[in-house]
């Protein structure tokens, strides 16, 4: 990838196409947003999620487990990393192709594209490609991008 330093130890995974419609992980691989692992030997839960790409979004399924550290009343769930697929798991509900995030980095670096402008452009692309799911709002994209 063009946007990395020579000293970067980890190679960036490119988004793998076709993107799977089911994402799974073992409980020992799943992590909660708090950083904790999933509770050992818990039953997996399958939830719907949305995968956002450069040209459209689609529904998929993701396997989740209860977090081992979060209080039970909060019901936080641990999910797979998905970096090996070139997918960023933002919150177990919204997943983003690295290609989409890398496109924003390129646009921002070369033409000083704002979050709002990029989201508007991607929204138009989704319409052109007849995506049944619309692109996210700029505020959400901003939060997600800096979590990436």
N, C-alpha and C. Protein backbone atom coordinates (compact mmCIF):
# COMPACT_ATOMS: atom_id res chain seq x y z
N UNK A 1 0.84 -1.19 0.00
CA UNK A 1 0.00 0.00 0.00
C UNK A 1 0.88 1.23 0.00
N UNK A 2 0.45 2.24 -0.68
CA UNK A 2 1.24 3.46 -0.82
C UNK A 2 1.30 4.27 0.46
N UNK A 3 0.31 4.15 1.35
CA UNK A 3 0.23 4.99 2.55
C UNK A 3 0.77 4.26 3.77
N UNK A 4 2.01 3.86 3.69
CA UNK A 4 2.63 3.24 4.85
C UNK A 4 4.09 3.64 4.90
N UNK A 5 4.67 3.52 6.07
CA UNK A 5 6.07 3.85 6.25
C UNK A 5 6.92 2.60 6.04
N UNK A 6 8.15 2.80 5.63
CA UNK A 6 9.06 1.67 5.43
C UNK A 6 9.30 0.92 6.73
N UNK A 7 9.12 1.61 7.86
CA UNK A 7 9.35 0.99 9.17
C UNK A 7 8.13 0.24 9.70
N UNK A 8 6.99 0.33 9.00
CA UNK A 8 5.78 -0.38 9.44
C UNK A 8 6.04 -1.88 9.40
N UNK A 9 5.81 -2.54 10.52
CA UNK A 9 6.08 -3.98 10.60
C UNK A 9 4.95 -4.82 10.03
N UNK A 10 3.74 -4.32 10.10
CA UNK A 10 2.58 -5.12 9.69
C UNK A 10 2.15 -4.72 8.28
N UNK A 11 2.06 -5.72 7.42
CA UNK A 11 1.58 -5.50 6.05
C UNK A 11 0.07 -5.30 6.10
N UNK A 12 -0.44 -4.33 5.36
CA UNK A 12 -1.87 -4.09 5.30
C UNK A 12 -2.54 -5.16 4.45
N UNK A 13 -3.62 -5.72 4.97
CA UNK A 13 -4.36 -6.73 4.22
C UNK A 13 -5.34 -6.04 3.28
N UNK A 14 -5.28 -6.40 2.03
CA UNK A 14 -6.22 -5.86 1.07
C UNK A 14 -7.56 -6.58 1.24
N UNK A 15 -8.63 -5.91 0.91
CA UNK A 15 -9.96 -6.50 1.01
C UNK A 15 -10.05 -7.69 0.06
N UNK A 16 -10.50 -8.81 0.57
CA UNK A 16 -10.63 -10.03 -0.21
C UNK A 16 -12.01 -10.05 -0.86
N UNK A 17 -12.03 -10.22 -2.18
CA UNK A 17 -13.29 -10.31 -2.91
C UNK A 17 -13.44 -11.71 -3.46
N UNK A 18 -14.61 -12.30 -3.49
CA UNK A 18 -15.84 -11.72 -2.94
C UNK A 18 -15.80 -11.73 -1.41
N UNK A 19 -16.41 -10.72 -0.84
CA UNK A 19 -16.48 -10.60 0.61
C UNK A 19 -17.49 -11.63 1.11
N UNK A 20 -17.12 -12.40 2.14
CA UNK A 20 -18.06 -13.41 2.66
C UNK A 20 -19.34 -12.78 3.22
N UNK A 21 -20.39 -13.56 3.26
CA UNK A 21 -21.65 -13.08 3.85
C UNK A 21 -21.83 -13.61 5.27
N UNK A 22 -20.86 -14.40 5.76
CA UNK A 22 -20.89 -14.92 7.13
C UNK A 22 -19.48 -14.82 7.71
N UNK A 23 -19.37 -14.16 8.86
CA UNK A 23 -18.09 -14.00 9.53
C UNK A 23 -18.14 -14.74 10.86
N UNK A 24 -17.19 -15.61 11.08
CA UNK A 24 -17.17 -16.41 12.30
C UNK A 24 -15.81 -16.28 12.98
N UNK A 25 -15.80 -16.65 14.23
CA UNK A 25 -14.55 -16.70 15.00
C UNK A 25 -14.76 -17.66 16.15
N UNK A 26 -13.69 -18.24 16.64
CA UNK A 26 -13.75 -19.03 17.86
C UNK A 26 -13.78 -18.07 19.04
N UNK A 27 -14.30 -18.54 20.18
CA UNK A 27 -14.40 -17.63 21.32
C UNK A 27 -13.03 -17.12 21.75
N UNK A 28 -11.96 -17.91 21.53
CA UNK A 28 -10.64 -17.46 21.95
C UNK A 28 -10.04 -16.40 21.01
N UNK A 29 -10.65 -16.19 19.83
CA UNK A 29 -10.19 -15.16 18.89
C UNK A 29 -11.01 -13.88 18.99
N UNK A 30 -12.21 -13.96 19.54
CA UNK A 30 -13.11 -12.82 19.58
C UNK A 30 -12.69 -11.84 20.69
N UNK A 31 -12.88 -10.55 20.39
CA UNK A 31 -12.57 -9.49 21.35
C UNK A 31 -13.74 -8.53 21.46
N UNK A 32 -13.92 -8.00 22.66
CA UNK A 32 -14.93 -6.98 22.92
C UNK A 32 -14.31 -5.61 22.64
N UNK A 33 -15.14 -4.59 22.53
CA UNK A 33 -14.60 -3.24 22.33
C UNK A 33 -13.78 -2.77 23.53
N UNK A 34 -14.00 -3.38 24.71
CA UNK A 34 -13.21 -3.03 25.90
C UNK A 34 -11.82 -3.68 25.84
N UNK A 35 -11.62 -4.60 24.89
CA UNK A 35 -10.33 -5.26 24.74
C UNK A 35 -10.28 -6.66 25.32
N UNK A 36 -11.30 -7.02 26.10
CA UNK A 36 -11.31 -8.34 26.74
C UNK A 36 -11.70 -9.43 25.73
N UNK A 37 -11.31 -10.63 26.06
CA UNK A 37 -11.68 -11.79 25.23
C UNK A 37 -13.12 -12.21 25.56
N UNK A 38 -13.64 -13.08 24.73
CA UNK A 38 -14.98 -13.62 24.96
C UNK A 38 -14.95 -14.58 26.15
N UNK A 39 -16.12 -14.76 26.77
CA UNK A 39 -16.22 -15.74 27.85
C UNK A 39 -15.93 -17.12 27.29
N UNK A 40 -15.05 -17.87 27.96
CA UNK A 40 -14.74 -19.22 27.47
C UNK A 40 -15.98 -20.11 27.46
N UNK A 41 -16.05 -20.94 26.44
CA UNK A 41 -17.09 -21.97 26.32
C UNK A 41 -18.52 -21.43 26.33
N UNK A 42 -18.71 -20.22 25.85
CA UNK A 42 -20.07 -19.68 25.75
C UNK A 42 -20.64 -20.02 24.38
N UNK A 43 -21.93 -20.05 24.30
CA UNK A 43 -22.60 -20.33 23.04
C UNK A 43 -22.49 -19.11 22.13
N UNK A 44 -22.12 -19.34 20.88
CA UNK A 44 -22.06 -18.21 19.95
C UNK A 44 -23.46 -17.71 19.61
N UNK A 45 -23.53 -16.43 19.29
CA UNK A 45 -24.77 -15.81 18.84
C UNK A 45 -24.53 -15.28 17.43
N UNK A 46 -25.46 -15.51 16.56
CA UNK A 46 -25.33 -15.00 15.20
C UNK A 46 -26.22 -13.76 15.07
N UNK A 47 -25.61 -12.66 14.66
CA UNK A 47 -26.31 -11.39 14.49
C UNK A 47 -26.15 -10.91 13.06
N UNK A 48 -27.09 -10.07 12.64
CA UNK A 48 -26.96 -9.43 11.33
C UNK A 48 -26.02 -8.24 11.45
N UNK A 49 -25.31 -7.98 10.37
CA UNK A 49 -24.44 -6.82 10.30
C UNK A 49 -24.49 -6.28 8.88
N UNK A 50 -23.92 -5.11 8.68
CA UNK A 50 -23.87 -4.50 7.36
C UNK A 50 -22.42 -4.31 6.97
N UNK A 51 -22.09 -4.74 5.75
CA UNK A 51 -20.74 -4.58 5.22
C UNK A 51 -20.77 -3.45 4.19
N UNK A 52 -19.95 -2.43 4.42
CA UNK A 52 -19.86 -1.27 3.53
C UNK A 52 -18.60 -1.39 2.67
N UNK A 53 -18.77 -1.29 1.36
CA UNK A 53 -17.65 -1.36 0.43
C UNK A 53 -17.59 -0.05 -0.37
N UNK A 54 -16.72 -0.01 -1.36
CA UNK A 54 -16.61 1.18 -2.21
C UNK A 54 -17.84 1.43 -3.06
N UNK A 55 -18.55 0.36 -3.45
CA UNK A 55 -19.64 0.52 -4.42
C UNK A 55 -21.02 0.18 -3.88
N UNK A 56 -21.11 -0.32 -2.67
CA UNK A 56 -22.41 -0.66 -2.11
C UNK A 56 -22.26 -1.35 -0.76
N UNK A 57 -23.38 -1.57 -0.13
CA UNK A 57 -23.41 -2.24 1.17
C UNK A 57 -24.35 -3.42 1.09
N UNK A 58 -24.11 -4.41 1.93
CA UNK A 58 -24.98 -5.59 1.95
C UNK A 58 -25.04 -6.15 3.37
N UNK A 59 -26.12 -6.88 3.63
CA UNK A 59 -26.27 -7.52 4.93
C UNK A 59 -25.47 -8.81 4.96
N UNK A 60 -24.93 -9.10 6.13
CA UNK A 60 -24.17 -10.32 6.35
C UNK A 60 -24.50 -10.81 7.76
N UNK A 61 -23.86 -11.88 8.17
CA UNK A 61 -24.03 -12.41 9.53
C UNK A 61 -22.67 -12.47 10.20
N UNK A 62 -22.68 -12.29 11.51
CA UNK A 62 -21.44 -12.31 12.28
C UNK A 62 -21.67 -13.11 13.56
N UNK A 63 -20.70 -13.92 13.92
CA UNK A 63 -20.77 -14.72 15.14
C UNK A 63 -20.17 -13.92 16.29
N UNK A 64 -20.93 -13.80 17.38
CA UNK A 64 -20.51 -13.02 18.54
C UNK A 64 -20.62 -13.85 19.80
N UNK A 65 -19.85 -13.45 20.82
CA UNK A 65 -19.85 -14.13 22.12
C UNK A 65 -19.97 -13.08 23.22
N UNK A 66 -20.44 -13.49 24.39
CA UNK A 66 -20.48 -12.58 25.53
C UNK A 66 -19.07 -12.20 25.94
N UNK A 67 -18.90 -10.95 26.35
CA UNK A 67 -17.61 -10.46 26.83
C UNK A 67 -17.35 -11.04 28.22
N UNK A 68 -16.08 -11.36 28.49
CA UNK A 68 -15.74 -11.94 29.79
C UNK A 68 -15.61 -10.89 30.89
N UNK A 69 -15.44 -9.60 30.53
CA UNK A 69 -15.22 -8.56 31.53
C UNK A 69 -16.38 -7.59 31.73
N UNK A 70 -17.14 -7.32 30.69
CA UNK A 70 -18.23 -6.34 30.79
C UNK A 70 -19.36 -6.89 31.67
N UNK A 71 -20.03 -6.01 32.43
CA UNK A 71 -21.14 -6.46 33.28
C UNK A 71 -22.25 -7.11 32.45
N UNK A 72 -22.86 -8.13 33.00
CA UNK A 72 -23.90 -8.88 32.29
C UNK A 72 -25.07 -8.00 31.87
N UNK A 73 -25.40 -6.98 32.68
CA UNK A 73 -26.55 -6.13 32.34
C UNK A 73 -26.29 -5.29 31.08
N UNK A 74 -25.03 -5.11 30.71
CA UNK A 74 -24.71 -4.35 29.49
C UNK A 74 -24.71 -5.24 28.26
N UNK A 75 -24.56 -6.54 28.45
CA UNK A 75 -24.60 -7.52 27.34
C UNK A 75 -23.66 -7.16 26.19
N UNK A 76 -22.44 -6.72 26.52
CA UNK A 76 -21.47 -6.42 25.47
C UNK A 76 -21.02 -7.74 24.82
N UNK A 77 -20.82 -7.67 23.51
CA UNK A 77 -20.48 -8.87 22.77
C UNK A 77 -19.10 -8.74 22.14
N UNK A 78 -18.37 -9.84 22.14
CA UNK A 78 -17.05 -9.90 21.53
C UNK A 78 -17.19 -10.50 20.14
N UNK A 79 -16.52 -9.87 19.18
CA UNK A 79 -16.61 -10.33 17.80
C UNK A 79 -15.24 -10.53 17.17
N UNK A 80 -15.23 -11.05 15.95
CA UNK A 80 -13.96 -11.31 15.27
C UNK A 80 -13.30 -10.03 14.78
N UNK A 81 -11.99 -10.06 14.62
CA UNK A 81 -11.21 -8.91 14.14
C UNK A 81 -11.48 -8.65 12.65
N UNK A 82 -11.45 -9.64 11.82
CA UNK A 82 -11.73 -9.59 10.37
C UNK A 82 -10.65 -8.89 9.55
N UNK A 83 -9.55 -8.52 10.18
CA UNK A 83 -8.45 -7.90 9.46
C UNK A 83 -7.89 -8.78 8.36
N UNK A 84 -7.93 -10.10 8.55
CA UNK A 84 -7.43 -11.02 7.53
C UNK A 84 -8.28 -10.99 6.26
N UNK A 85 -9.51 -10.51 6.37
CA UNK A 85 -10.39 -10.36 5.20
C UNK A 85 -10.25 -8.98 4.56
N UNK A 86 -9.49 -8.08 5.22
CA UNK A 86 -9.44 -6.70 4.75
C UNK A 86 -10.70 -5.95 5.12
N UNK A 87 -11.27 -6.34 6.27
CA UNK A 87 -12.51 -5.73 6.76
C UNK A 87 -12.24 -5.18 8.16
N UNK A 88 -12.74 -3.97 8.42
CA UNK A 88 -12.65 -3.37 9.75
C UNK A 88 -14.00 -3.57 10.45
N UNK A 89 -13.98 -4.27 11.57
CA UNK A 89 -15.18 -4.50 12.37
C UNK A 89 -15.31 -3.33 13.34
N UNK A 90 -16.15 -2.37 12.97
CA UNK A 90 -16.29 -1.16 13.78
C UNK A 90 -17.00 -1.43 15.09
N UNK A 91 -18.14 -2.12 15.06
CA UNK A 91 -18.92 -2.31 16.28
C UNK A 91 -19.77 -3.58 16.26
N UNK A 92 -19.38 -4.56 15.50
CA UNK A 92 -20.11 -5.82 15.32
C UNK A 92 -21.41 -5.65 14.53
N UNK A 93 -21.78 -4.44 14.22
CA UNK A 93 -22.98 -4.18 13.41
C UNK A 93 -22.60 -3.58 12.06
N UNK A 94 -21.59 -2.75 12.06
CA UNK A 94 -21.13 -2.08 10.84
C UNK A 94 -19.69 -2.49 10.55
N UNK A 95 -19.49 -3.10 9.39
CA UNK A 95 -18.17 -3.56 8.97
C UNK A 95 -17.78 -2.79 7.72
N UNK A 96 -16.51 -2.42 7.60
CA UNK A 96 -16.06 -1.57 6.50
C UNK A 96 -14.86 -2.19 5.79
N UNK A 97 -14.94 -2.24 4.47
CA UNK A 97 -13.84 -2.75 3.67
C UNK A 97 -12.64 -1.81 3.80
N UNK A 98 -11.45 -2.39 3.99
CA UNK A 98 -10.24 -1.57 4.04
C UNK A 98 -10.10 -0.75 2.77
N UNK A 99 -10.55 -1.29 1.64
CA UNK A 99 -10.47 -0.55 0.37
C UNK A 99 -11.22 0.77 0.46
N UNK A 100 -12.35 0.79 1.13
CA UNK A 100 -13.13 2.01 1.30
C UNK A 100 -12.37 3.02 2.16
N UNK A 101 -11.80 2.54 3.26
CA UNK A 101 -11.05 3.42 4.16
C UNK A 101 -9.77 3.92 3.51
N UNK A 102 -9.11 3.05 2.75
CA UNK A 102 -7.91 3.47 2.03
C UNK A 102 -8.24 4.49 0.95
N UNK A 103 -9.41 4.38 0.35
CA UNK A 103 -9.84 5.36 -0.66
C UNK A 103 -10.00 6.74 -0.03
N UNK A 104 -10.58 6.79 1.18
CA UNK A 104 -10.70 8.09 1.85
C UNK A 104 -9.32 8.66 2.16
N UNK A 105 -8.41 7.81 2.64
CA UNK A 105 -7.05 8.26 2.94
C UNK A 105 -6.40 8.86 1.70
N UNK A 106 -6.57 8.20 0.56
CA UNK A 106 -6.00 8.71 -0.69
C UNK A 106 -6.63 10.03 -1.09
N UNK A 107 -7.96 10.10 -1.02
CA UNK A 107 -8.66 11.34 -1.39
C UNK A 107 -8.28 12.49 -0.47
N UNK A 108 -8.21 12.22 0.82
CA UNK A 108 -7.87 13.25 1.79
C UNK A 108 -6.44 13.73 1.59
N UNK A 109 -5.53 12.80 1.31
CA UNK A 109 -4.11 13.14 1.16
C UNK A 109 -3.83 13.92 -0.11
N UNK A 110 -4.53 13.59 -1.18
CA UNK A 110 -4.22 14.18 -2.48
C UNK A 110 -5.02 15.45 -2.74
N UNK A 111 -6.31 15.45 -2.34
CA UNK A 111 -7.16 16.59 -2.70
C UNK A 111 -7.82 17.26 -1.50
N UNK A 112 -7.41 16.92 -0.30
CA UNK A 112 -7.97 17.49 0.92
C UNK A 112 -9.49 17.31 0.97
N UNK A 113 -9.95 16.15 0.60
CA UNK A 113 -11.37 15.83 0.63
C UNK A 113 -11.87 15.80 2.07
N UNK A 114 -12.99 16.43 2.33
CA UNK A 114 -13.57 16.41 3.68
C UNK A 114 -14.36 15.12 3.89
N UNK A 115 -14.66 14.82 5.13
CA UNK A 115 -15.48 13.65 5.43
C UNK A 115 -16.85 13.78 4.75
N UNK A 116 -17.43 14.95 4.84
CA UNK A 116 -18.76 15.17 4.25
C UNK A 116 -18.72 14.96 2.74
N UNK A 117 -17.73 15.52 2.07
CA UNK A 117 -17.62 15.38 0.61
C UNK A 117 -17.41 13.93 0.21
N UNK A 118 -16.56 13.23 0.94
CA UNK A 118 -16.30 11.82 0.62
C UNK A 118 -17.58 11.00 0.79
N UNK A 119 -18.28 11.22 1.88
CA UNK A 119 -19.52 10.46 2.13
C UNK A 119 -20.57 10.76 1.06
N UNK A 120 -20.66 11.99 0.64
CA UNK A 120 -21.59 12.35 -0.43
C UNK A 120 -21.21 11.64 -1.73
N UNK A 121 -19.94 11.61 -2.04
CA UNK A 121 -19.45 10.94 -3.25
C UNK A 121 -19.74 9.44 -3.20
N UNK A 122 -19.47 8.82 -2.05
CA UNK A 122 -19.74 7.38 -1.91
C UNK A 122 -21.24 7.12 -1.98
N UNK A 123 -22.04 7.99 -1.40
CA UNK A 123 -23.51 7.85 -1.48
C UNK A 123 -23.97 7.86 -2.92
N UNK A 124 -23.40 8.74 -3.74
CA UNK A 124 -23.75 8.78 -5.16
C UNK A 124 -23.33 7.49 -5.87
N UNK A 125 -22.17 6.97 -5.51
CA UNK A 125 -21.71 5.70 -6.08
C UNK A 125 -22.66 4.57 -5.71
N UNK A 126 -23.13 4.55 -4.46
CA UNK A 126 -24.08 3.53 -4.03
C UNK A 126 -25.37 3.62 -4.86
N UNK A 127 -25.82 4.83 -5.14
CA UNK A 127 -27.03 5.01 -5.96
C UNK A 127 -26.77 4.49 -7.38
N UNK A 128 -25.60 4.84 -7.94
CA UNK A 128 -25.26 4.38 -9.28
C UNK A 128 -25.22 2.86 -9.38
N UNK A 129 -24.76 2.21 -8.31
CA UNK A 129 -24.64 0.75 -8.30
C UNK A 129 -25.89 0.06 -7.73
N UNK A 130 -26.92 0.87 -7.48
CA UNK A 130 -28.21 0.38 -6.99
C UNK A 130 -28.09 -0.43 -5.68
N UNK A 131 -27.30 0.09 -4.79
CA UNK A 131 -27.17 -0.55 -3.48
C UNK A 131 -28.49 -0.41 -2.73
N UNK A 132 -28.98 -1.50 -2.20
CA UNK A 132 -30.23 -1.48 -1.44
C UNK A 132 -30.05 -0.78 -0.09
N UNK A 133 -28.82 -0.69 0.36
CA UNK A 133 -28.51 -0.04 1.65
C UNK A 133 -27.74 1.24 1.35
N UNK A 134 -28.17 2.34 1.97
CA UNK A 134 -27.51 3.63 1.75
C UNK A 134 -26.22 3.71 2.55
N UNK A 135 -25.36 4.64 2.16
CA UNK A 135 -24.10 4.83 2.88
C UNK A 135 -24.38 5.57 4.18
N UNK A 136 -23.45 5.46 5.12
CA UNK A 136 -23.60 6.06 6.44
C UNK A 136 -23.43 7.59 6.38
N UNK A 137 -23.82 8.24 7.45
CA UNK A 137 -23.68 9.69 7.55
C UNK A 137 -22.23 10.06 7.85
N UNK A 138 -21.86 11.29 7.52
CA UNK A 138 -20.49 11.76 7.68
C UNK A 138 -20.01 11.68 9.14
N UNK A 139 -20.89 11.97 10.10
CA UNK A 139 -20.50 11.91 11.52
C UNK A 139 -20.10 10.50 11.91
N UNK A 140 -20.85 9.53 11.45
CA UNK A 140 -20.55 8.12 11.75
C UNK A 140 -19.25 7.72 11.06
N UNK A 141 -19.08 8.13 9.80
CA UNK A 141 -17.86 7.80 9.07
C UNK A 141 -16.64 8.40 9.78
N UNK A 142 -16.76 9.62 10.25
CA UNK A 142 -15.68 10.29 10.97
C UNK A 142 -15.26 9.48 12.19
N UNK A 143 -16.24 9.09 13.01
CA UNK A 143 -15.95 8.29 14.21
C UNK A 143 -15.32 6.95 13.86
N UNK A 144 -15.88 6.30 12.84
CA UNK A 144 -15.36 4.99 12.43
C UNK A 144 -13.95 5.11 11.90
N UNK A 145 -13.70 6.11 11.05
CA UNK A 145 -12.39 6.25 10.42
C UNK A 145 -11.29 6.41 11.47
N UNK A 146 -11.54 7.20 12.50
CA UNK A 146 -10.52 7.40 13.52
C UNK A 146 -10.44 6.24 14.51
N UNK A 147 -11.38 5.31 14.43
CA UNK A 147 -11.27 4.06 15.19
C UNK A 147 -10.43 3.04 14.43
N UNK A 148 -10.35 3.24 13.12
CA UNK A 148 -9.61 2.34 12.23
C UNK A 148 -8.12 2.49 12.50
